[in-house]
N, C-alpha and C. Protein backbone atom coordinates (compact mmCIF):
# COMPACT_ATOMS: atom_id res chain seq x y z
N MET A 1 18.43 123.47 70.28
CA MET A 1 18.33 123.06 68.71
C MET A 1 17.14 123.06 68.23
N ASN A 2 17.18 123.47 66.45
CA ASN A 2 16.30 123.55 65.34
C ASN A 2 15.52 122.32 64.86
N ASN A 3 14.23 122.13 64.35
CA ASN A 3 14.13 120.82 63.84
C ASN A 3 14.46 121.49 62.18
N LEU A 4 15.77 122.40 61.83
CA LEU A 4 15.70 122.22 60.44
C LEU A 4 17.11 121.45 59.83
N ILE A 5 16.47 120.45 58.89
CA ILE A 5 17.62 119.71 57.92
C ILE A 5 18.00 119.95 56.70
N VAL A 6 19.05 120.37 56.50
CA VAL A 6 19.56 121.31 55.36
C VAL A 6 19.91 119.94 54.08
N PHE A 7 19.35 120.17 52.74
CA PHE A 7 20.07 119.06 51.81
C PHE A 7 20.76 119.85 51.21
N GLU A 8 22.02 119.40 50.50
CA GLU A 8 23.02 120.50 49.76
C GLU A 8 23.17 119.54 48.60
N GLY A 9 23.63 119.73 47.25
CA GLY A 9 23.88 119.28 46.33
C GLY A 9 23.95 119.82 45.44
N ILE A 10 24.79 119.58 44.51
CA ILE A 10 24.93 120.51 42.83
C ILE A 10 23.74 119.97 42.42
N CYS A 11 22.93 120.40 41.21
CA CYS A 11 21.82 119.81 40.53
C CYS A 11 22.05 118.73 39.72
N CYS A 12 21.00 117.76 40.04
CA CYS A 12 21.31 116.53 39.36
C CYS A 12 21.57 115.55 40.44
N SER A 13 21.56 116.00 41.57
CA SER A 13 22.14 115.07 42.77
C SER A 13 21.29 114.27 43.70
N GLY A 14 19.99 114.73 43.21
CA GLY A 14 19.17 113.86 43.81
C GLY A 14 18.56 114.29 45.12
N LYS A 15 18.48 115.34 45.27
CA LYS A 15 18.42 116.26 46.92
C LYS A 15 16.58 116.18 46.70
N THR A 16 16.15 116.27 45.61
CA THR A 16 14.61 116.31 45.77
C THR A 16 13.88 115.00 45.82
N THR A 17 14.50 113.93 45.38
CA THR A 17 13.86 112.84 45.57
C THR A 17 14.34 112.27 46.89
N LEU A 18 15.52 112.42 47.14
CA LEU A 18 16.03 112.08 48.59
C LEU A 18 14.82 112.58 49.78
N CYS A 19 14.29 114.03 49.86
CA CYS A 19 13.69 114.82 50.25
C CYS A 19 12.32 114.03 50.51
N GLU A 20 11.41 113.62 49.04
CA GLU A 20 10.30 112.97 49.44
C GLU A 20 10.20 111.88 49.62
N LYS A 21 11.30 110.84 49.40
CA LYS A 21 11.24 109.25 50.38
C LYS A 21 11.44 109.63 52.03
N LEU A 22 12.20 110.69 52.10
CA LEU A 22 12.57 111.26 53.76
C LEU A 22 11.07 111.36 54.18
N SER A 23 10.48 112.64 53.74
CA SER A 23 9.50 112.89 53.99
C SER A 23 8.18 111.95 54.51
N GLU A 24 8.19 110.67 53.74
CA GLU A 24 6.99 109.61 53.91
C GLU A 24 7.20 108.96 55.26
N LYS A 25 8.69 108.89 55.43
CA LYS A 25 9.15 107.92 56.85
C LYS A 25 9.19 109.04 58.03
N ILE A 26 9.35 110.71 57.83
CA ILE A 26 9.02 111.09 59.11
C ILE A 26 7.75 111.05 59.47
N ASN A 27 6.62 111.37 58.59
CA ASN A 27 5.65 111.15 58.97
C ASN A 27 4.96 110.05 59.49
N ALA A 28 5.92 109.12 58.89
CA ALA A 28 5.43 107.41 59.35
C ALA A 28 5.48 107.71 60.91
N VAL A 29 6.65 108.11 61.85
CA VAL A 29 7.40 108.22 62.98
C VAL A 29 6.47 109.05 63.72
N GLY A 30 5.60 110.31 62.91
CA GLY A 30 4.50 111.10 64.20
C GLY A 30 5.15 112.16 64.22
N TYR A 31 6.30 112.35 63.10
CA TYR A 31 6.33 114.28 62.91
C TYR A 31 5.95 114.52 61.65
N GLN A 32 5.51 116.07 61.52
CA GLN A 32 4.89 116.51 60.30
C GLN A 32 6.37 117.13 59.67
N SER A 33 6.67 116.48 58.30
CA SER A 33 7.79 116.70 57.38
C SER A 33 7.13 118.37 56.25
N ILE A 34 7.68 119.45 56.66
CA ILE A 34 7.46 120.32 55.76
C ILE A 34 8.63 120.18 54.71
N TYR A 35 8.52 120.14 53.26
CA TYR A 35 9.49 120.46 52.42
C TYR A 35 9.70 121.78 51.86
N ASN A 36 10.69 122.36 51.78
CA ASN A 36 11.01 124.03 51.54
C ASN A 36 11.69 124.04 50.46
N HIS A 37 11.51 124.61 49.29
CA HIS A 37 12.12 124.31 48.08
C HIS A 37 13.56 125.36 48.15
N GLY A 38 13.21 126.58 49.15
CA GLY A 38 14.19 127.31 49.56
C GLY A 38 14.53 128.50 48.61
N ALA A 39 15.69 129.13 48.52
CA ALA A 39 15.83 130.17 48.11
C ALA A 39 15.41 130.68 46.25
N MET A 40 14.79 131.70 45.64
CA MET A 40 14.53 131.83 44.48
C MET A 40 13.35 131.06 43.88
N THR A 41 12.35 131.01 45.14
CA THR A 41 11.23 129.99 44.41
C THR A 41 10.22 131.09 45.36
N TYR A 42 10.06 131.68 46.16
CA TYR A 42 9.06 132.21 47.11
C TYR A 42 8.60 133.68 46.59
N THR A 43 9.63 134.51 46.68
CA THR A 43 9.40 135.50 46.17
C THR A 43 9.66 136.20 45.49
N ASP A 44 9.55 137.80 45.23
CA ASP A 44 9.68 138.58 43.96
C ASP A 44 11.10 138.78 43.39
N ILE A 45 12.15 138.81 44.36
CA ILE A 45 13.33 139.02 44.40
C ILE A 45 14.15 137.91 43.84
N GLY A 46 13.67 136.70 44.45
CA GLY A 46 14.22 135.24 44.32
C GLY A 46 14.13 135.19 42.91
N MET A 47 12.37 135.60 42.33
CA MET A 47 12.56 135.26 40.96
C MET A 47 13.42 136.02 39.43
N GLU A 48 13.75 137.12 40.31
CA GLU A 48 14.26 138.17 39.52
C GLU A 48 15.62 137.47 39.01
N PHE A 49 16.19 137.11 40.30
CA PHE A 49 17.57 136.12 40.59
C PHE A 49 17.69 135.38 39.49
N LYS A 50 16.51 134.81 39.24
CA LYS A 50 16.67 133.47 38.19
C LYS A 50 16.85 134.55 36.71
N GLN A 51 16.33 135.07 36.60
CA GLN A 51 16.60 135.60 35.42
C GLN A 51 18.26 136.32 35.12
N LEU A 52 18.29 136.98 36.04
CA LEU A 52 19.95 137.26 35.95
C LEU A 52 21.07 136.33 35.96
N LEU A 53 20.51 135.20 36.52
CA LEU A 53 21.46 134.20 36.10
C LEU A 53 22.23 134.55 34.68
N GLY A 54 23.75 134.78 34.50
CA GLY A 54 24.37 134.18 33.88
C GLY A 54 24.24 136.06 32.81
N LYS A 55 23.53 136.53 33.15
CA LYS A 55 23.60 137.75 32.79
C LYS A 55 23.82 138.84 33.17
N ARG A 56 24.32 138.63 34.75
CA ARG A 56 24.81 139.80 35.87
C ARG A 56 26.09 139.42 36.16
N ASP A 57 26.96 140.39 36.47
CA ASP A 57 27.93 140.04 37.33
C ASP A 57 27.83 139.11 38.81
N THR A 58 28.62 138.16 39.10
CA THR A 58 28.40 137.64 40.07
C THR A 58 28.07 138.04 41.38
N THR A 59 28.53 139.13 41.63
CA THR A 59 28.38 140.37 42.88
C THR A 59 27.21 140.23 43.00
N ILE A 60 26.51 140.98 41.95
CA ILE A 60 25.07 141.24 41.86
C ILE A 60 24.00 140.19 42.05
N THR A 61 24.37 138.88 41.41
CA THR A 61 23.51 137.83 41.97
C THR A 61 23.59 137.40 43.07
N THR A 62 24.51 137.20 43.88
CA THR A 62 24.84 136.96 45.08
C THR A 62 24.49 137.33 46.39
N LEU A 63 24.09 138.91 45.98
CA LEU A 63 23.44 139.98 46.96
C LEU A 63 22.39 139.48 46.93
N TYR A 64 21.64 139.18 45.61
CA TYR A 64 20.37 138.71 45.39
C TYR A 64 19.60 137.67 46.15
N PHE A 65 21.02 136.32 46.08
CA PHE A 65 20.66 135.21 46.20
C PHE A 65 20.13 135.55 48.26
N PHE A 66 21.37 135.99 48.61
CA PHE A 66 21.29 136.15 50.06
C PHE A 66 20.18 137.13 50.58
N THR A 67 19.71 138.11 49.97
CA THR A 67 18.44 138.86 50.08
C THR A 67 17.56 137.75 50.39
N ASP A 68 17.27 137.18 48.98
CA ASP A 68 16.30 136.23 49.15
C ASP A 68 16.28 135.30 50.49
N LEU A 69 17.60 134.48 50.47
CA LEU A 69 17.14 133.25 51.44
C LEU A 69 17.31 134.48 52.84
N ILE A 70 17.57 135.37 53.04
CA ILE A 70 17.38 136.02 54.45
C ILE A 70 15.47 136.21 54.34
N LEU A 71 15.28 136.75 53.34
CA LEU A 71 13.85 136.91 53.76
C LEU A 71 13.04 135.33 53.78
N ASN A 72 13.84 134.44 53.27
CA ASN A 72 13.02 132.88 53.13
C ASN A 72 12.95 132.43 54.56
N THR A 73 14.33 132.85 55.08
CA THR A 73 14.26 132.43 56.84
C THR A 73 13.41 133.06 57.73
N LYS A 74 13.19 134.42 56.69
CA LYS A 74 12.29 135.20 57.94
C LYS A 74 11.01 134.33 58.08
N ASN A 75 10.49 134.77 57.01
CA ASN A 75 9.28 134.54 56.51
C ASN A 75 8.56 132.93 56.43
N ILE A 76 9.37 132.38 56.04
CA ILE A 76 8.89 130.72 55.89
C ILE A 76 9.33 129.38 56.87
N ILE A 77 10.92 129.70 57.05
CA ILE A 77 11.60 128.48 57.39
C ILE A 77 11.37 129.05 59.11
N ARG A 78 11.39 130.07 59.74
CA ARG A 78 11.40 130.14 61.28
C ARG A 78 9.73 130.44 61.56
N PRO A 79 8.80 130.75 60.95
CA PRO A 79 7.34 130.31 61.63
C PRO A 79 6.97 128.63 61.09
N GLN A 80 7.43 127.66 60.29
CA GLN A 80 7.48 126.89 59.92
C GLN A 80 7.77 125.68 61.40
N LEU A 81 9.12 126.51 61.83
CA LEU A 81 9.74 125.79 63.17
C LEU A 81 9.26 126.14 64.25
N ALA A 82 8.13 127.00 64.19
CA ALA A 82 7.56 127.20 65.52
C ALA A 82 6.78 126.32 66.36
N ASN A 83 6.30 125.27 65.32
CA ASN A 83 5.75 124.04 65.57
C ASN A 83 6.56 123.27 65.75
N THR A 84 6.74 122.07 67.12
CA THR A 84 7.89 122.09 67.55
C THR A 84 8.00 120.20 66.90
N ASN A 85 6.62 119.95 66.34
CA ASN A 85 6.57 118.88 65.94
C ASN A 85 6.69 118.77 64.57
N SER A 86 7.06 120.02 63.57
CA SER A 86 7.58 119.76 62.41
C SER A 86 9.04 119.71 62.12
N ILE A 87 9.02 119.25 61.10
CA ILE A 87 10.58 118.56 60.74
C ILE A 87 10.76 119.87 58.89
N VAL A 88 11.62 120.79 59.12
CA VAL A 88 11.51 121.48 58.09
C VAL A 88 12.76 120.70 57.21
N LEU A 89 12.46 120.35 55.65
CA LEU A 89 13.82 119.93 54.95
C LEU A 89 13.90 121.15 53.73
N GLN A 90 14.72 121.32 54.20
CA GLN A 90 15.11 122.61 53.42
C GLN A 90 16.32 122.13 52.16
N ASP A 91 15.82 122.21 51.03
CA ASP A 91 16.66 122.25 49.81
C ASP A 91 17.28 123.18 49.25
N ARG A 92 18.55 122.95 49.81
CA ARG A 92 19.75 124.43 49.46
C ARG A 92 19.44 125.00 50.90
N TYR A 93 20.62 125.81 51.54
CA TYR A 93 20.78 127.09 52.18
C TYR A 93 21.82 127.46 51.60
N TYR A 94 22.77 128.03 52.95
CA TYR A 94 23.31 128.80 52.42
C TYR A 94 24.94 128.06 51.51
N ASP A 95 25.01 126.83 51.90
CA ASP A 95 26.29 126.30 51.27
C ASP A 95 26.13 126.39 49.74
N ALA A 96 24.63 126.26 49.63
CA ALA A 96 24.39 126.45 47.60
C ALA A 96 25.26 127.94 47.11
N ILE A 97 25.05 128.80 47.68
CA ILE A 97 25.85 129.89 47.31
C ILE A 97 27.31 129.96 47.67
N THR A 98 27.47 129.19 48.79
CA THR A 98 28.95 129.55 49.03
C THR A 98 30.07 128.82 48.32
N THR A 99 29.61 127.71 47.94
CA THR A 99 30.43 126.66 47.49
C THR A 99 30.63 126.90 45.98
N TYR A 100 29.00 127.59 45.57
CA TYR A 100 29.20 127.70 43.86
C TYR A 100 30.15 129.17 43.50
N ILE A 101 29.93 130.24 44.36
CA ILE A 101 30.86 131.17 44.45
C ILE A 101 32.19 130.96 44.59
N ASN A 102 32.40 130.54 45.24
CA ASN A 102 34.11 130.02 45.63
C ASN A 102 34.20 129.42 44.43
N ALA A 103 33.63 128.39 43.96
CA ALA A 103 34.07 127.54 42.83
C ALA A 103 34.14 128.56 41.66
N TYR A 104 33.49 129.06 41.53
CA TYR A 104 33.29 130.41 40.48
C TYR A 104 34.79 131.02 40.28
N GLY A 105 34.97 131.59 41.82
CA GLY A 105 36.56 132.17 42.03
C GLY A 105 37.54 131.31 41.53
N LYS A 106 37.68 130.15 41.72
CA LYS A 106 38.75 129.15 41.19
C LYS A 106 38.76 129.07 39.34
N TYR A 107 37.40 129.40 38.96
CA TYR A 107 37.05 129.24 37.76
C TYR A 107 38.05 130.36 36.78
N CYS A 108 38.10 131.63 37.46
CA CYS A 108 38.24 132.79 37.13
C CYS A 108 39.79 133.45 37.68
N ASN A 109 40.19 132.29 38.23
CA ASN A 109 41.42 132.54 39.09
C ASN A 109 41.52 133.93 39.92
N LYS A 110 40.34 133.83 40.62
CA LYS A 110 40.42 134.98 41.70
C LYS A 110 39.96 134.27 42.95
N ASP A 111 40.11 135.58 44.23
CA ASP A 111 39.65 135.07 45.58
C ASP A 111 38.56 135.12 45.62
N TYR A 112 37.21 134.18 45.71
CA TYR A 112 35.95 134.60 45.83
C TYR A 112 35.48 133.40 46.91
N ASN A 113 36.10 133.61 48.27
CA ASN A 113 35.91 132.68 49.37
C ASN A 113 34.93 133.96 49.97
N ILE A 114 33.80 133.22 50.20
CA ILE A 114 32.56 133.67 51.04
C ILE A 114 32.22 133.48 52.00
N TYR A 115 32.71 132.72 52.71
CA TYR A 115 32.28 131.43 53.59
C TYR A 115 31.93 132.38 54.79
N ARG A 116 32.85 133.26 54.97
CA ARG A 116 32.87 134.24 56.30
C ARG A 116 31.70 135.31 56.02
N ILE A 117 30.80 135.21 55.16
CA ILE A 117 29.84 135.71 55.25
C ILE A 117 28.33 135.25 55.61
N SER A 118 28.33 133.81 55.30
CA SER A 118 27.33 133.23 55.87
C SER A 118 27.67 132.81 57.42
N ASP A 119 28.96 132.44 57.73
CA ASP A 119 29.24 132.41 59.23
C ASP A 119 28.57 133.49 60.12
N VAL A 120 29.37 134.85 59.57
CA VAL A 120 28.60 135.97 60.18
C VAL A 120 27.42 135.92 60.96
N LEU A 121 26.67 135.56 59.46
CA LEU A 121 24.85 135.76 59.42
C LEU A 121 24.64 134.56 60.19
N VAL A 122 25.07 133.67 60.39
CA VAL A 122 24.34 132.38 61.29
C VAL A 122 24.99 132.81 63.06
N GLU A 123 26.14 132.97 63.04
CA GLU A 123 26.40 133.98 64.22
C GLU A 123 25.50 135.06 64.81
N ASN A 124 24.96 135.66 64.17
CA ASN A 124 24.06 136.79 64.53
C ASN A 124 22.49 136.28 64.43
N ASP A 125 22.21 135.23 64.22
CA ASP A 125 20.83 134.71 64.30
C ASP A 125 19.81 135.10 62.92
N VAL A 126 20.56 135.86 61.97
CA VAL A 126 19.92 136.23 60.59
C VAL A 126 19.57 135.10 59.77
N LEU A 127 20.49 134.02 59.82
CA LEU A 127 20.38 132.65 59.20
C LEU A 127 20.33 131.76 60.24
N LEU A 128 20.20 130.26 60.14
CA LEU A 128 19.36 129.32 60.84
C LEU A 128 21.09 128.43 60.95
N LYS A 129 21.78 127.92 61.87
CA LYS A 129 22.35 126.63 61.59
C LYS A 129 21.36 125.48 61.89
N PRO A 130 21.93 125.19 60.18
CA PRO A 130 20.73 123.86 60.67
C PRO A 130 21.51 122.46 62.15
N ALA A 131 19.94 121.85 62.22
CA ALA A 131 20.27 120.81 63.15
C ALA A 131 21.16 119.59 62.90
N LEU A 132 21.22 119.45 60.94
CA LEU A 132 21.81 118.23 60.64
C LEU A 132 21.74 119.02 58.88
N ASN A 133 23.01 118.84 58.55
CA ASN A 133 23.39 118.93 57.05
C ASN A 133 23.67 117.82 56.10
N ILE A 134 22.61 117.38 54.94
CA ILE A 134 22.83 116.48 54.26
C ILE A 134 23.34 116.68 53.22
N PHE A 135 24.57 115.93 52.65
CA PHE A 135 25.11 116.41 51.37
C PHE A 135 24.83 115.38 50.22
N CYS A 136 24.19 115.51 49.37
CA CYS A 136 23.87 114.25 48.21
C CYS A 136 25.16 114.58 47.16
N ILE A 137 25.56 113.55 47.33
CA ILE A 137 26.76 113.49 46.43
C ILE A 137 27.01 112.21 45.91
N PRO A 138 26.74 112.10 44.53
CA PRO A 138 26.78 110.81 44.03
C PRO A 138 27.80 110.73 43.21
N PRO A 139 28.90 109.99 42.35
CA PRO A 139 29.75 110.17 41.40
C PRO A 139 29.74 110.89 40.67
N TYR A 140 30.73 111.78 40.23
CA TYR A 140 30.90 112.89 39.27
C TYR A 140 30.22 112.33 37.83
N GLU A 141 30.37 111.31 37.22
CA GLU A 141 29.94 110.63 36.02
C GLU A 141 28.48 110.54 36.21
N THR A 142 28.17 109.89 37.09
CA THR A 142 26.54 110.21 37.64
C THR A 142 25.64 111.45 37.56
N ILE A 143 26.35 112.37 37.87
CA ILE A 143 25.94 113.95 37.52
C ILE A 143 26.06 114.30 36.08
N ILE A 144 27.12 113.90 35.16
CA ILE A 144 27.19 114.67 34.13
C ILE A 144 25.83 113.49 33.30
N GLU A 145 25.84 112.37 33.69
CA GLU A 145 24.74 111.55 33.26
C GLU A 145 23.18 112.21 32.70
N ARG A 146 22.90 112.56 34.55
CA ARG A 146 21.80 113.15 34.70
C ARG A 146 21.68 114.34 34.14
N MET A 147 22.68 115.49 34.02
CA MET A 147 22.72 116.53 33.80
C MET A 147 22.46 116.25 32.32
N GLU A 148 22.81 115.63 31.58
CA GLU A 148 22.95 115.69 29.68
C GLU A 148 21.26 115.26 29.76
N LYS A 149 20.44 114.56 30.78
CA LYS A 149 19.26 114.25 30.25
C LYS A 149 18.39 115.38 30.88
N SER A 150 18.73 116.65 31.87
CA SER A 150 18.10 117.51 32.72
C SER A 150 17.21 118.10 31.41
N LYS A 151 16.22 119.09 32.07
CA LYS A 151 15.66 120.46 31.28
C LYS A 151 16.75 121.12 31.07
N SER A 152 16.14 122.32 30.24
CA SER A 152 16.95 123.03 29.88
C SER A 152 16.43 124.20 31.12
N SER A 153 17.65 125.23 31.33
CA SER A 153 17.11 126.34 32.52
C SER A 153 18.50 126.75 32.47
N PRO A 154 18.61 128.11 32.94
CA PRO A 154 19.81 128.78 33.12
C PRO A 154 21.12 128.55 33.81
N VAL A 155 20.78 127.69 35.05
CA VAL A 155 21.64 127.08 35.59
C VAL A 155 22.61 125.73 34.92
N HIS A 156 21.28 124.90 34.66
CA HIS A 156 21.94 123.71 33.98
C HIS A 156 22.67 124.08 32.17
N ASP A 157 22.03 124.85 31.84
CA ASP A 157 22.62 125.26 30.47
C ASP A 157 23.70 125.98 30.90
N PHE A 158 24.41 126.26 31.65
CA PHE A 158 25.64 127.00 31.93
C PHE A 158 26.53 126.09 32.20
N TYR A 159 25.92 124.80 33.09
CA TYR A 159 26.94 123.72 33.68
C TYR A 159 27.55 122.83 32.02
N ARG A 160 26.79 122.80 31.44
CA ARG A 160 26.55 121.85 29.97
C ARG A 160 27.45 122.74 29.09
N GLU A 161 27.58 124.13 29.21
CA GLU A 161 28.57 124.82 28.35
C GLU A 161 29.80 124.90 29.22
N HIS A 162 30.18 124.87 29.88
CA HIS A 162 31.46 124.94 30.86
C HIS A 162 31.78 123.63 31.57
N PRO A 163 32.09 122.79 31.47
CA PRO A 163 32.33 121.23 31.82
C PRO A 163 32.86 121.35 33.00
N LYS A 164 34.22 122.59 32.84
CA LYS A 164 35.14 122.48 34.08
C LYS A 164 34.77 123.59 35.29
N PHE A 165 33.50 124.21 34.85
CA PHE A 165 33.47 124.87 35.78
C PHE A 165 31.93 123.55 37.24
N LEU A 166 31.66 123.18 36.20
CA LEU A 166 30.71 122.21 36.83
C LEU A 166 31.53 121.02 37.84
N ARG A 167 32.99 120.72 37.60
CA ARG A 167 33.63 119.98 38.18
C ARG A 167 34.18 120.79 39.17
N LEU A 168 34.40 121.70 39.06
CA LEU A 168 34.81 123.05 40.12
C LEU A 168 33.74 122.81 41.16
N VAL A 169 32.62 123.01 40.92
CA VAL A 169 31.47 123.47 41.98
C VAL A 169 31.32 121.72 42.65
N TYR A 170 31.33 120.70 41.80
CA TYR A 170 31.22 119.42 42.15
C TYR A 170 32.24 119.13 43.24
N ASP A 171 33.53 119.55 43.14
CA ASP A 171 34.47 119.17 44.15
C ASP A 171 34.53 120.08 45.57
N GLU A 172 34.11 121.65 45.13
CA GLU A 172 33.97 122.41 46.32
C GLU A 172 32.86 122.03 47.17
N LEU A 173 31.89 121.61 46.66
CA LEU A 173 30.78 121.05 47.32
C LEU A 173 31.19 119.73 48.25
N GLU A 174 31.67 118.89 47.66
CA GLU A 174 32.41 117.76 48.40
C GLU A 174 33.03 118.13 49.38
N LYS A 175 34.51 119.23 49.13
CA LYS A 175 35.06 119.28 50.19
C LYS A 175 34.70 119.89 51.25
N ARG A 176 33.27 120.61 50.99
CA ARG A 176 32.84 121.53 51.91
C ARG A 176 31.63 120.42 52.60
N ALA A 177 31.29 119.54 52.05
CA ALA A 177 30.71 118.64 53.20
C ALA A 177 31.62 117.72 53.82
N LYS A 178 32.84 117.16 53.86
CA LYS A 178 33.53 116.76 54.38
C LYS A 178 34.01 117.18 55.79
N GLU A 179 34.17 118.90 55.64
CA GLU A 179 34.47 119.65 56.66
C GLU A 179 33.47 119.99 57.71
N THR A 180 32.29 120.04 57.05
CA THR A 180 30.94 120.28 57.73
C THR A 180 30.79 119.63 59.04
N ALA A 181 30.42 120.03 60.26
CA ALA A 181 30.24 119.59 61.50
C ALA A 181 28.57 118.88 60.87
N ASN A 182 28.35 118.14 61.95
CA ASN A 182 26.74 117.06 61.85
C ASN A 182 26.38 117.01 60.38
N SER A 183 26.88 116.49 59.79
CA SER A 183 26.47 115.95 58.34
C SER A 183 26.62 114.79 57.99
N ILE A 184 26.12 114.46 57.02
CA ILE A 184 25.95 112.77 56.60
C ILE A 184 25.79 113.27 55.14
N ILE A 185 26.93 112.18 54.37
CA ILE A 185 27.33 112.35 53.15
C ILE A 185 26.37 111.43 52.58
N ILE A 186 25.51 111.37 51.25
CA ILE A 186 24.67 110.29 50.90
C ILE A 186 25.01 110.30 49.42
N ASP A 187 25.43 109.05 48.86
CA ASP A 187 25.50 108.84 47.66
C ASP A 187 24.62 108.28 46.68
N THR A 188 23.41 109.28 46.20
CA THR A 188 22.31 109.21 45.51
C THR A 188 22.37 108.19 44.63
N SER A 189 23.32 107.69 44.09
CA SER A 189 23.44 106.53 42.93
C SER A 189 23.25 105.15 43.45
N SER A 190 23.47 104.89 44.70
CA SER A 190 23.06 103.72 45.08
C SER A 190 21.80 103.77 46.26
N VAL A 191 21.46 102.71 45.81
CA VAL A 191 19.59 102.44 47.01
C VAL A 191 20.18 102.37 47.98
N LYS A 192 21.25 101.13 48.49
CA LYS A 192 21.83 101.42 49.44
C LYS A 192 22.19 102.02 50.64
N SER A 193 23.03 103.20 49.79
CA SER A 193 23.57 104.50 50.43
C SER A 193 22.24 105.32 50.58
N VAL A 194 21.41 105.70 49.82
CA VAL A 194 20.17 106.05 50.35
C VAL A 194 19.60 105.70 51.54
N ASN A 195 19.08 104.30 51.59
CA ASN A 195 18.56 103.76 52.44
C ASN A 195 19.35 103.79 53.86
N ASN A 196 20.58 103.67 53.89
CA ASN A 196 21.35 103.67 54.98
C ASN A 196 21.45 105.44 55.54
N GLY A 197 21.32 106.33 54.77
CA GLY A 197 21.48 107.44 54.80
C GLY A 197 20.00 107.98 55.24
N ILE A 198 18.52 107.88 54.96
CA ILE A 198 17.54 107.63 55.78
C ILE A 198 17.61 107.43 56.87
N GLU A 199 17.97 106.05 57.15
CA GLU A 199 17.79 105.28 58.56
C GLU A 199 18.83 106.49 59.45
N MET A 200 19.56 106.67 59.33
CA MET A 200 20.88 107.79 59.98
C MET A 200 20.31 108.82 60.60
N ILE A 201 19.56 109.58 59.42
CA ILE A 201 18.39 110.81 59.75
C ILE A 201 17.82 110.70 60.63
N LEU A 202 16.86 109.41 60.52
CA LEU A 202 15.33 109.39 61.21
C LEU A 202 15.99 108.80 62.63
N ASN A 203 17.16 108.29 62.64
CA ASN A 203 18.09 108.29 64.54
C ASN A 203 18.00 109.24 64.78
N PHE A 204 18.35 110.18 63.91
CA PHE A 204 19.32 111.72 64.50
C PHE A 204 17.96 112.14 64.93
N ILE A 205 16.98 112.03 64.24
CA ILE A 205 15.28 112.93 64.38
C ILE A 205 14.83 112.48 65.63
N LYS A 206 14.90 111.00 66.02
CA LYS A 206 14.35 110.35 67.41
C LYS A 206 15.11 110.21 68.48
N ALA A 207 16.04 111.34 67.97
CA ALA A 207 17.40 111.37 69.18
C ALA A 207 17.41 112.90 69.69
N ASN A 208 17.16 113.70 68.72
CA ASN A 208 17.32 115.17 69.15
C ASN A 208 16.15 115.87 68.76
N CYS A 209 15.20 115.55 68.15
CA CYS A 209 14.34 116.60 67.66
C CYS A 209 12.69 116.32 68.18
């Protein structure tokens, strides 16, 4: 088992904030937490992907995302995991793109189910199977409130302009969370839920990492 913990959630779902709180707790119990922002952050092709959002066909942007994700896994995640005392907190992994594209297919009344792609990449050790999946899913109304106050970006702006699509992505991610083994669902709008979730994660780390 690797020490990769993945955090999934729609924009404004509280993933980054949760990672920050958890990181402090992990360091306090003797592990080294490493926060990795994931795809679209560290490579040239990832940066190009951000510029393509909303401008190119979803087939092209999906290829960009997976390419960047594979490079991220090879050049960043795997080296970080080489230290057995490290816990990598991955802000989004392959469920980010598969749920988004599947929801976009529903939005366009087409079959865009690409879950099999990530499954095959994991089966062939191109992508990693997380030790634990954390799904940050506050109430939909909370997402709307946070989205209205969030900064301008290609993804946020697209969501704001297409509320029906935002709802489809939210529902698809919630469905995925319930179907995923080794997962914890956290309502990030609730302090109690966040604290309980952090405690569950720490217990998992102590027992398995």
